Every structure is written in C-alpha cells, then in structure tokens.
Amino acid sequence: MPHRDFDVASLARYLHISPEQVLRLAERGKIPGRKVAGQWRFSRAEIHHWLEEKIGAAEDDAQLAQLETVVRHPAAGPSETTFSSLTDLMPLEAIAIPLPAKTRNSVVSQMVQLAAGTGLLWDPQTMVEAVLAREAMYPTALENGVALLHPRRPMPSILAQPLLCLGITPSGVPFGGPCLTDIFFLICSVDDPGHLRVLTRLSRVIGRPEVLDALRAAPDAASARQVIQQAEAEI
C-alpha cells in the first residue's frame, strides 16, 4: 500500500539506516512521528517535508547525492515525475531571460505566468497564492542568490504534468534571503516523491558556482537550458 504510513522497519529501509537509528531519532524528536497503540508510525507527507528540510540544509554535493539516493528509493512511493534530466521538465517557454520583475510579489506572479504560458498550469492565481504562502512561512532564497519557489504541497489538481521554470532578473531582488536574489526556479510538482527528486537534483546543480556564473551570463533561454543540461550531465 504505497500511501500508508511508514512503520519503523519500512522507514529504516527507505532512509538506508537501521531500525535502531530510526527509533533513536523518533524518541529524541529528531524525525516527525507518533505512537499508535504503542508503535511508532510516520506520515509520508511529514517525512517528505522533513527530507525537504534536510535537502535545504545539506552542506555539500556528497550529502545531496546521498539524499538523492534516498528519495529515488521505491519506498518513497510512486511518482508521476519521471525524468532523465531536469530539462525534460523545462520547455523553452518556461524560461525567461531576462525576467523583468523587481519585487518579491512580481517575481512570483511572473514565474507563475511562465508556467501558465506552457499550457500545463490551469489555475495560475491559485499557484501564486500557494507560492506566496510558502514564502511567508520560510523564504526559499539561498545565500548563492538563487530561490527555489514552490507551494507547500504538490498541486496535481491544477497541473497537467510536472514542470520546472527558470527566470533570471537583470539585477538582484530582495527575496527574504541573506542577499539579493536574481536566479529563480519554480518547481511545480504533482506528488511528494517527484518534488523531492527534482529538488534534490536541482540543488546539486545550483551548488556549483560555475553553473550560476554561466546562467547569469546566458543570453537567452536556449543557452540557459543548455547550461542546466550540461551541468546535470557532469554530476
């Protein structure tokens, strides 16, 4: 049953750790879980959110590579997000260079309009509201000038399929991070496992400073897409 909660044994297999380690994490409050009739149970949605936080806190590519192994595990559950490269999810019309936005709200609005322009997003207003709500909870802007926009949960009811958008502003925008932000990705997912897989792979790509330099120098959408494709091939 792919949508049932994890128990200790199944979560241990998913995370590639021992059941004893899972129990220690649960008892210490280091992983979200609850006891039902004296047995630990772990919501898949809460574990996916916990993993998203772990991805954001990863310090190097080795940690991200390990997390990518976890989120690609069959125990994560079925996903409609099947891709060999991030650019499989990124049509040229989903890339804006330059993105003319100058404020946080206009960035979100214009990135969502990019998604809507592909014909794969049916309700842009709902997506805008969901992304802004997620940003209000905790900004997705990183210290390298990149923001990874996404709603709190996947939104399959308003998407034809998973989608990844990219916008690069001519100058930095205050976006709630430790510095100005000029590179924006919008991750539109239809399920939690797919979202984690895209987020992990994208985090590995943008973790390379030379990739960000190349994106900032890209003259058009095709060039930026090629940068992503080449960077991913080298991982």
C-alpha atoms as a PDB file:
ATOM      1  CA  MET A   1       0.000   0.000   0.000  1.00  0.00           C
ATOM      2  CA  PRO A   2       2.076   2.948  -1.265  1.00  0.00           C
ATOM      3  CA  HIS A   3       0.133   5.623   0.647  1.00  0.00           C
ATOM      4  CA  ARG A   4       0.191   4.017   4.119  1.00  0.00           C
ATOM      5  CA  ASP A   5       2.338   5.498   6.849  1.00  0.00           C
ATOM      6  CA  PHE A   6       5.835   4.189   7.394  1.00  0.00           C
ATOM      7  CA  ASP A   7       6.492   1.920  10.347  1.00  0.00           C
ATOM      8  CA  VAL A   8       9.959   1.655  11.884  1.00  0.00           C
ATOM      9  CA  ALA A   9      11.133  -1.108   9.571  1.00  0.00           C
ATOM     10  CA  SER A  10       9.885   0.436   6.324  1.00  0.00           C
ATOM     11  CA  LEU A  11      11.222   3.881   7.232  1.00  0.00           C
ATOM     12  CA  ALA A  12      14.601   2.345   8.040  1.00  0.00           C
ATOM     13  CA  ARG A  13      14.697   0.717   4.598  1.00  0.00           C
ATOM     14  CA  TYR A  14      13.681   3.988   2.954  1.00  0.00           C
ATOM     15  CA  LEU A  15      16.320   6.065   4.752  1.00  0.00           C
ATOM     16  CA  HIS A  16      19.035   3.384   4.447  1.00  0.00           C
ATOM     17  CA  ILE A  17      19.594   3.292   8.205  1.00  0.00           C
ATOM     18  CA  SER A  18      18.928   0.701  10.884  1.00  0.00           C
ATOM     19  CA  PRO A  19      15.611   0.358  12.733  1.00  0.00           C
ATOM     20  CA  GLU A  20      17.511   1.180  15.928  1.00  0.00           C
ATOM     21  CA  GLN A  21      18.608   4.503  14.401  1.00  0.00           C
ATOM     22  CA  VAL A  22      15.024   5.299  13.409  1.00  0.00           C
ATOM     23  CA  LEU A  23      13.860   4.605  16.963  1.00  0.00           C
ATOM     24  CA  ARG A  24      16.568   6.842  18.422  1.00  0.00           C
ATOM     25  CA  LEU A  25      15.635   9.674  16.038  1.00  0.00           C
ATOM     26  CA  ALA A  26      11.955   9.288  16.883  1.00  0.00           C
ATOM     27  CA  GLU A  27      12.476   9.113  20.638  1.00  0.00           C
ATOM     28  CA  ARG A  28      14.647  12.248  20.537  1.00  0.00           C
ATOM     29  CA  GLY A  29      12.155  14.174  18.407  1.00  0.00           C
ATOM     30  CA  LYS A  30      14.595  14.424  15.513  1.00  0.00           C
ATOM     31  CA  ILE A  31      12.164  12.963  12.999  1.00  0.00           C
ATOM     32  CA  PRO A  32       8.383  13.522  12.782  1.00  0.00           C
ATOM     33  CA  GLY A  33       6.371  10.581  14.076  1.00  0.00           C
ATOM     34  CA  ARG A  34       3.708   9.495  16.519  1.00  0.00           C
ATOM     35  CA  LYS A  35       2.881   6.405  18.519  1.00  0.00           C
ATOM     36  CA  VAL A  36      -0.265   4.432  17.662  1.00  0.00           C
ATOM     37  CA  ALA A  37      -1.125   1.619  20.049  1.00  0.00           C
ATOM     38  CA  GLY A  38       2.419   1.787  21.327  1.00  0.00           C
ATOM     39  CA  GLN A  39       4.024   1.527  17.879  1.00  0.00           C
ATOM     40  CA  TRP A  40       5.772   4.315  16.004  1.00  0.00           C
ATOM     41  CA  ARG A  41       4.133   5.488  12.779  1.00  0.00           C
ATOM     42  CA  PHE A  42       5.493   8.117  10.394  1.00  0.00           C
ATOM     43  CA  SER A  43       3.326  10.071   7.952  1.00  0.00           C
ATOM     44  CA  ARG A  44       4.737  10.001   4.412  1.00  0.00           C
ATOM     45  CA  ALA A  45       3.834  13.662   3.921  1.00  0.00           C
ATOM     46  CA  GLU A  46       5.654  14.655   7.115  1.00  0.00           C
ATOM     47  CA  ILE A  47       8.698  12.551   6.219  1.00  0.00           C
ATOM     48  CA  HIS A  48       8.778  14.155   2.773  1.00  0.00           C
ATOM     49  CA  HIS A  49       8.690  17.614   4.370  1.00  0.00           C
ATOM     50  CA  TRP A  50      11.458  16.588   6.790  1.00  0.00           C
ATOM     51  CA  LEU A  51      13.562  15.416   3.861  1.00  0.00           C
ATOM     52  CA  GLU A  52      12.941  18.718   2.058  1.00  0.00           C
ATOM     53  CA  GLU A  53      14.414  20.497   5.069  1.00  0.00           C
ATOM     54  CA  LYS A  54      17.372  18.100   5.052  1.00  0.00           C
ATOM     55  CA  ILE A  55      17.977  18.853   1.364  1.00  0.00           C
ATOM     56  CA  GLY A  56      17.979  22.577   2.069  1.00  0.00           C
ATOM     57  CA  ALA A  57      20.452  22.135   4.924  1.00  0.00           C
ATOM     58  CA  ALA A  58      22.864  19.855   3.031  1.00  0.00           C
ATOM     59  CA  GLU A  59      26.391  21.252   3.143  1.00  0.00           C
ATOM     60  CA  ASP A  60      27.943  19.638   0.073  1.00  0.00           C
ATOM     61  CA  ASP A  61      27.272  17.539  -3.011  1.00  0.00           C
ATOM     62  CA  ALA A  62      28.129  14.302  -1.211  1.00  0.00           C
ATOM     63  CA  GLN A  63      25.266  14.843   1.225  1.00  0.00           C
ATOM     64  CA  LEU A  64      22.907  15.773  -1.603  1.00  0.00           C
ATOM     65  CA  ALA A  65      23.946  12.700  -3.594  1.00  0.00           C
ATOM     66  CA  GLN A  66      23.155  10.525  -0.572  1.00  0.00           C
ATOM     67  CA  LEU A  67      19.763  12.205  -0.179  1.00  0.00           C
ATOM     68  CA  GLU A  68      19.052  11.738  -3.880  1.00  0.00           C
ATOM     69  CA  THR A  69      19.578   8.007  -3.406  1.00  0.00           C
ATOM     70  CA  VAL A  70      17.017   8.070  -0.614  1.00  0.00           C
ATOM     71  CA  VAL A  71      14.322   9.999  -2.472  1.00  0.00           C
ATOM     72  CA  ARG A  72      14.676   7.787  -5.552  1.00  0.00           C
ATOM     73  CA  HIS A  73      14.096   4.662  -3.451  1.00  0.00           C
ATOM     74  CA  PRO A  74      10.890   2.756  -4.383  1.00  0.00           C
ATOM     75  CA  ALA A  75       9.777   3.047  -0.747  1.00  0.00           C
ATOM     76  CA  ALA A  76       9.261   6.773  -1.348  1.00  0.00           C
ATOM     77  CA  GLY A  77       6.126   5.843  -3.218  1.00  0.00           C
ATOM     78  CA  PRO A  78       5.064   6.077  -6.860  1.00  0.00           C
ATOM     79  CA  SER A  79       5.650   9.320  -8.715  1.00  0.00           C
ATOM     80  CA  GLU A  80       4.385  10.796 -11.945  1.00  0.00           C
ATOM     81  CA  THR A  81       7.639  12.763 -12.182  1.00  0.00           C
ATOM     82  CA  THR A  82       9.820  10.646 -14.448  1.00  0.00           C
ATOM     83  CA  PHE A  83      12.800  12.412 -15.963  1.00  0.00           C
ATOM     84  CA  SER A  84      16.354  11.698 -17.049  1.00  0.00           C
ATOM     85  CA  SER A  85      17.306  15.378 -16.986  1.00  0.00           C
ATOM     86  CA  LEU A  86      15.858  18.487 -15.374  1.00  0.00           C
ATOM     87  CA  THR A  87      15.492  19.940 -18.841  1.00  0.00           C
ATOM     88  CA  ASP A  88      12.912  17.230 -19.559  1.00  0.00           C
ATOM     89  CA  LEU A  89      10.663  19.290 -17.264  1.00  0.00           C
ATOM     90  CA  MET A  90      11.798  22.669 -18.601  1.00  0.00           C
ATOM     91  CA  PRO A  91      10.459  23.665 -22.030  1.00  0.00           C
ATOM     92  CA  LEU A  92      11.980  26.796 -23.553  1.00  0.00           C
ATOM     93  CA  GLU A  93       8.776  28.760 -22.990  1.00  0.00           C
ATOM     94  CA  ALA A  94       9.205  28.100 -19.251  1.00  0.00           C
ATOM     95  CA  ILE A  95      12.433  30.145 -19.202  1.00  0.00           C
ATOM     96  CA  ALA A  96      12.540  33.950 -19.047  1.00  0.00           C
ATOM     97  CA  ILE A  97      15.805  35.812 -19.687  1.00  0.00           C
ATOM     98  CA  PRO A  98      15.527  38.480 -18.557  1.00  0.00           C
ATOM     99  CA  LEU A  99      12.728  38.254 -16.027  1.00  0.00           C
ATOM    100  CA  PRO A 100      11.706  41.928 -15.614  1.00  0.00           C
ATOM    101  CA  ALA A 101      10.373  41.583 -12.056  1.00  0.00           C
ATOM    102  CA  LYS A 102      11.688  43.912  -9.350  1.00  0.00           C
ATOM    103  CA  THR A 103       9.758  42.858  -6.238  1.00  0.00           C
ATOM    104  CA  ARG A 104       9.009  39.581  -4.494  1.00  0.00           C
ATOM    105  CA  ASN A 105       5.344  39.582  -5.496  1.00  0.00           C
ATOM    106  CA  SER A 106       6.087  40.422  -9.125  1.00  0.00           C
ATOM    107  CA  VAL A 107       8.704  37.650  -9.255  1.00  0.00           C
ATOM    108  CA  VAL A 108       6.177  35.094  -8.043  1.00  0.00           C
ATOM    109  CA  SER A 109       3.467  36.387 -10.384  1.00  0.00           C
ATOM    110  CA  GLN A 110       5.730  36.399 -13.438  1.00  0.00           C
ATOM    111  CA  MET A 111       7.210  32.974 -12.682  1.00  0.00           C
ATOM    112  CA  VAL A 112       3.721  31.520 -12.372  1.00  0.00           C
ATOM    113  CA  GLN A 113       2.724  33.203 -15.629  1.00  0.00           C
ATOM    114  CA  LEU A 114       5.677  31.446 -17.259  1.00  0.00           C
ATOM    115  CA  ALA A 115       4.238  28.157 -16.061  1.00  0.00           C
ATOM    116  CA  ALA A 116       0.756  29.079 -17.270  1.00  0.00           C
ATOM    117  CA  GLY A 117       2.180  30.041 -20.662  1.00  0.00           C
ATOM    118  CA  THR A 118       3.223  26.434 -21.260  1.00  0.00           C
ATOM    119  CA  GLY A 119      -0.417  25.332 -21.060  1.00  0.00           C
ATOM    120  CA  LEU A 120       0.468  22.900 -18.259  1.00  0.00           C
ATOM    121  CA  LEU A 121      -0.780  25.054 -15.362  1.00  0.00           C
ATOM    122  CA  TRP A 122      -4.539  25.639 -15.352  1.00  0.00           C
ATOM    123  CA  ASP A 123      -5.043  27.916 -12.358  1.00  0.00           C
ATOM    124  CA  PRO A 124      -2.239  30.466 -12.041  1.00  0.00           C
ATOM    125  CA  GLN A 125      -3.929  32.516  -9.302  1.00  0.00           C
ATOM    126  CA  THR A 126      -4.153  29.515  -7.006  1.00  0.00           C
ATOM    127  CA  MET A 127      -0.493  28.743  -7.655  1.00  0.00           C
ATOM    128  CA  VAL A 128       0.530  32.352  -6.935  1.00  0.00           C
ATOM    129  CA  GLU A 129      -1.312  32.268  -3.611  1.00  0.00           C
ATOM    130  CA  ALA A 130       0.220  28.908  -2.680  1.00  0.00           C
ATOM    131  CA  VAL A 131       3.777  30.005  -3.507  1.00  0.00           C
ATOM    132  CA  LEU A 132       3.404  33.279  -1.592  1.00  0.00           C
ATOM    133  CA  ALA A 133       2.015  31.364   1.393  1.00  0.00           C
ATOM    134  CA  ARG A 134       5.059  29.078   1.314  1.00  0.00           C
ATOM    135  CA  GLU A 135       7.402  32.086   1.139  1.00  0.00           C
ATOM    136  CA  ALA A 136       5.618  33.656   4.105  1.00  0.00           C
ATOM    137  CA  MET A 137       6.293  30.515   6.147  1.00  0.00           C
ATOM    138  CA  TYR A 138      10.007  30.431   5.289  1.00  0.00           C
ATOM    139  CA  PRO A 139      11.761  32.120   2.356  1.00  0.00           C
ATOM    140  CA  THR A 140      13.234  29.786  -0.259  1.00  0.00           C
ATOM    141  CA  ALA A 141      16.024  32.227  -1.159  1.00  0.00           C
ATOM    142  CA  LEU A 142      19.534  30.831  -0.672  1.00  0.00           C
ATOM    143  CA  GLU A 143      22.823  32.544   0.074  1.00  0.00           C
ATOM    144  CA  ASN A 144      24.049  31.997  -3.513  1.00  0.00           C
ATOM    145  CA  GLY A 145      21.406  34.297  -4.992  1.00  0.00           C
ATOM    146  CA  VAL A 146      19.021  31.511  -6.037  1.00  0.00           C
ATOM    147  CA  ALA A 147      15.440  30.915  -4.894  1.00  0.00           C
ATOM    148  CA  LEU A 148      13.620  27.595  -5.312  1.00  0.00           C
ATOM    149  CA  LEU A 149       9.957  28.614  -5.412  1.00  0.00           C
ATOM    150  CA  HIS A 150       7.281  26.011  -4.778  1.00  0.00           C
ATOM    151  CA  PRO A 151       3.975  25.622  -2.929  1.00  0.00           C
ATOM    152  CA  ARG A 152       3.834  23.935   0.484  1.00  0.00           C
ATOM    153  CA  ARG A 153       2.440  20.760  -1.087  1.00  0.00           C
ATOM    154  CA  PRO A 154       2.218  19.470  -4.666  1.00  0.00           C
ATOM    155  CA  MET A 155      -0.835  20.663  -6.600  1.00  0.00           C
ATOM    156  CA  PRO A 156      -1.866  17.908  -9.035  1.00  0.00           C
ATOM    157  CA  SER A 157      -5.387  19.300  -9.479  1.00  0.00           C
ATOM    158  CA  ILE A 158      -4.127  22.361 -11.403  1.00  0.00           C
ATOM    159  CA  LEU A 159      -1.216  20.824 -13.325  1.00  0.00           C
ATOM    160  CA  ALA A 160      -1.255  18.658 -16.424  1.00  0.00           C
ATOM    161  CA  GLN A 161       2.201  17.323 -15.546  1.00  0.00           C
ATOM    162  CA  PRO A 162       5.301  18.296 -13.526  1.00  0.00           C
ATOM    163  CA  LEU A 163       7.051  21.452 -14.677  1.00  0.00           C
ATOM    164  CA  LEU A 164      10.202  23.421 -13.883  1.00  0.00           C
ATOM    165  CA  CYS A 165      10.504  27.126 -14.727  1.00  0.00           C
ATOM    166  CA  LEU A 166      13.525  29.434 -14.656  1.00  0.00           C
ATOM    167  CA  GLY A 167      13.732  33.219 -14.542  1.00  0.00           C
ATOM    168  CA  ILE A 168      16.821  35.411 -14.217  1.00  0.00           C
ATOM    169  CA  THR A 169      16.412  39.065 -13.292  1.00  0.00           C
ATOM    170  CA  PRO A 170      18.830  41.729 -14.607  1.00  0.00           C
ATOM    171  CA  SER A 171      19.659  42.705 -11.018  1.00  0.00           C
ATOM    172  CA  GLY A 172      19.091  41.242  -7.590  1.00  0.00           C
ATOM    173  CA  VAL A 173      15.687  41.356  -5.886  1.00  0.00           C
ATOM    174  CA  PRO A 174      15.108  41.412  -2.098  1.00  0.00           C
ATOM    175  CA  PHE A 175      13.539  37.999  -1.545  1.00  0.00           C
ATOM    176  CA  GLY A 176      13.926  37.296   2.140  1.00  0.00           C
ATOM    177  CA  GLY A 177      17.301  35.598   1.907  1.00  0.00           C
ATOM    178  CA  PRO A 178      20.703  36.646   3.215  1.00  0.00           C
ATOM    179  CA  CYS A 179      21.472  38.516  -0.023  1.00  0.00           C
ATOM    180  CA  LEU A 180      19.735  39.773  -3.141  1.00  0.00           C
ATOM    181  CA  THR A 181      18.323  37.073  -5.398  1.00  0.00           C
ATOM    182  CA  ASP A 182      18.486  37.023  -9.203  1.00  0.00           C
ATOM    183  CA  ILE A 183      18.004  33.378 -10.237  1.00  0.00           C
ATOM    184  CA  PHE A 184      14.554  31.917  -9.656  1.00  0.00           C
ATOM    185  CA  PHE A 185      13.296  28.391 -10.214  1.00  0.00           C
ATOM    186  CA  LEU A 186       9.632  27.445  -9.846  1.00  0.00           C
ATOM    187  CA  ILE A 187       9.085  23.762  -9.058  1.00  0.00           C
ATOM    188  CA  CYS A 188       5.574  22.634  -9.989  1.00  0.00           C
ATOM    189  CA  SER A 189       5.064  19.080  -8.748  1.00  0.00           C
ATOM    190  CA  VAL A 190       2.174  16.659  -8.766  1.00  0.00           C
ATOM    191  CA  ASP A 191       3.328  14.406  -5.907  1.00  0.00           C
ATOM    192  CA  ASP A 192       5.710  14.459  -2.958  1.00  0.00           C
ATOM    193  CA  PRO A 193       8.237  11.879  -4.216  1.00  0.00           C
ATOM    194  CA  GLY A 194       8.590  13.697  -7.533  1.00  0.00           C
ATOM    195  CA  HIS A 195       9.024  17.040  -5.797  1.00  0.00           C
ATOM    196  CA  LEU A 196      11.861  15.683  -3.652  1.00  0.00           C
ATOM    197  CA  ARG A 197      13.586  14.144  -6.659  1.00  0.00           C
ATOM    198  CA  VAL A 198      13.510  17.399  -8.597  1.00  0.00           C
ATOM    199  CA  LEU A 199      14.520  19.446  -5.567  1.00  0.00           C
ATOM    200  CA  THR A 200      17.495  17.217  -4.792  1.00  0.00           C
ATOM    201  CA  ARG A 201      18.785  17.118  -8.367  1.00  0.00           C
ATOM    202  CA  LEU A 202      18.324  20.865  -8.799  1.00  0.00           C
ATOM    203  CA  SER A 203      20.106  21.549  -5.504  1.00  0.00           C
ATOM    204  CA  ARG A 204      23.087  19.559  -6.751  1.00  0.00           C
ATOM    205  CA  VAL A 205      23.199  21.563  -9.989  1.00  0.00           C
ATOM    206  CA  ILE A 206      22.973  25.008  -8.387  1.00  0.00           C
ATOM    207  CA  GLY A 207      25.519  24.062  -5.762  1.00  0.00           C
ATOM    208  CA  ARG A 208      28.259  24.603  -8.344  1.00  0.00           C
ATOM    209  CA  PRO A 209      29.296  28.285  -8.557  1.00  0.00           C
ATOM    210  CA  GLU A 210      30.429  27.954 -12.179  1.00  0.00           C
ATOM    211  CA  VAL A 211      26.914  26.884 -13.148  1.00  0.00           C
ATOM    212  CA  LEU A 212      25.422  30.005 -11.590  1.00  0.00           C
ATOM    213  CA  ASP A 213      28.010  32.180 -13.333  1.00  0.00           C
ATOM    214  CA  ALA A 214      27.098  30.570 -16.656  1.00  0.00           C
ATOM    215  CA  LEU A 215      23.383  31.063 -16.040  1.00  0.00           C
ATOM    216  CA  ARG A 216      23.883  34.738 -15.232  1.00  0.00           C
ATOM    217  CA  ALA A 217      25.865  35.134 -18.465  1.00  0.00           C
ATOM    218  CA  ALA A 218      23.349  33.222 -20.600  1.00  0.00           C
ATOM    219  CA  PRO A 219      21.965  35.499 -23.348  1.00  0.00           C
ATOM    220  CA  ASP A 220      18.723  33.600 -23.944  1.00  0.00           C
ATOM    221  CA  ALA A 221      16.506  30.731 -22.854  1.00  0.00           C
ATOM    222  CA  ALA A 222      18.164  28.132 -25.070  1.00  0.00           C
ATOM    223  CA  SER A 223      21.598  28.983 -23.676  1.00  0.00           C
ATOM    224  CA  ALA A 224      20.385  28.779 -20.077  1.00  0.00           C
ATOM    225  CA  ARG A 225      18.710  25.431 -20.748  1.00  0.00           C
ATOM    226  CA  GLN A 226      21.957  24.137 -22.206  1.00  0.00           C
ATOM    227  CA  VAL A 227      23.837  25.213 -19.078  1.00  0.00           C
ATOM    228  CA  ILE A 228      21.464  23.183 -16.911  1.00  0.00           C
ATOM    229  CA  GLN A 229      21.649  20.178 -19.196  1.00  0.00           C
ATOM    230  CA  GLN A 230      25.437  20.163 -19.296  1.00  0.00           C
ATOM    231  CA  ALA A 231      25.783  20.683 -15.552  1.00  0.00           C
ATOM    232  CA  GLU A 232      23.437  17.812 -14.798  1.00  0.00           C
ATOM    233  CA  ALA A 233      25.295  15.517 -17.180  1.00  0.00           C
ATOM    234  CA  GLU A 234      28.501  16.173 -15.208  1.00  0.00           C
ATOM    235  CA  ILE A 235      27.030  15.212 -11.824  1.00  0.00           C
END
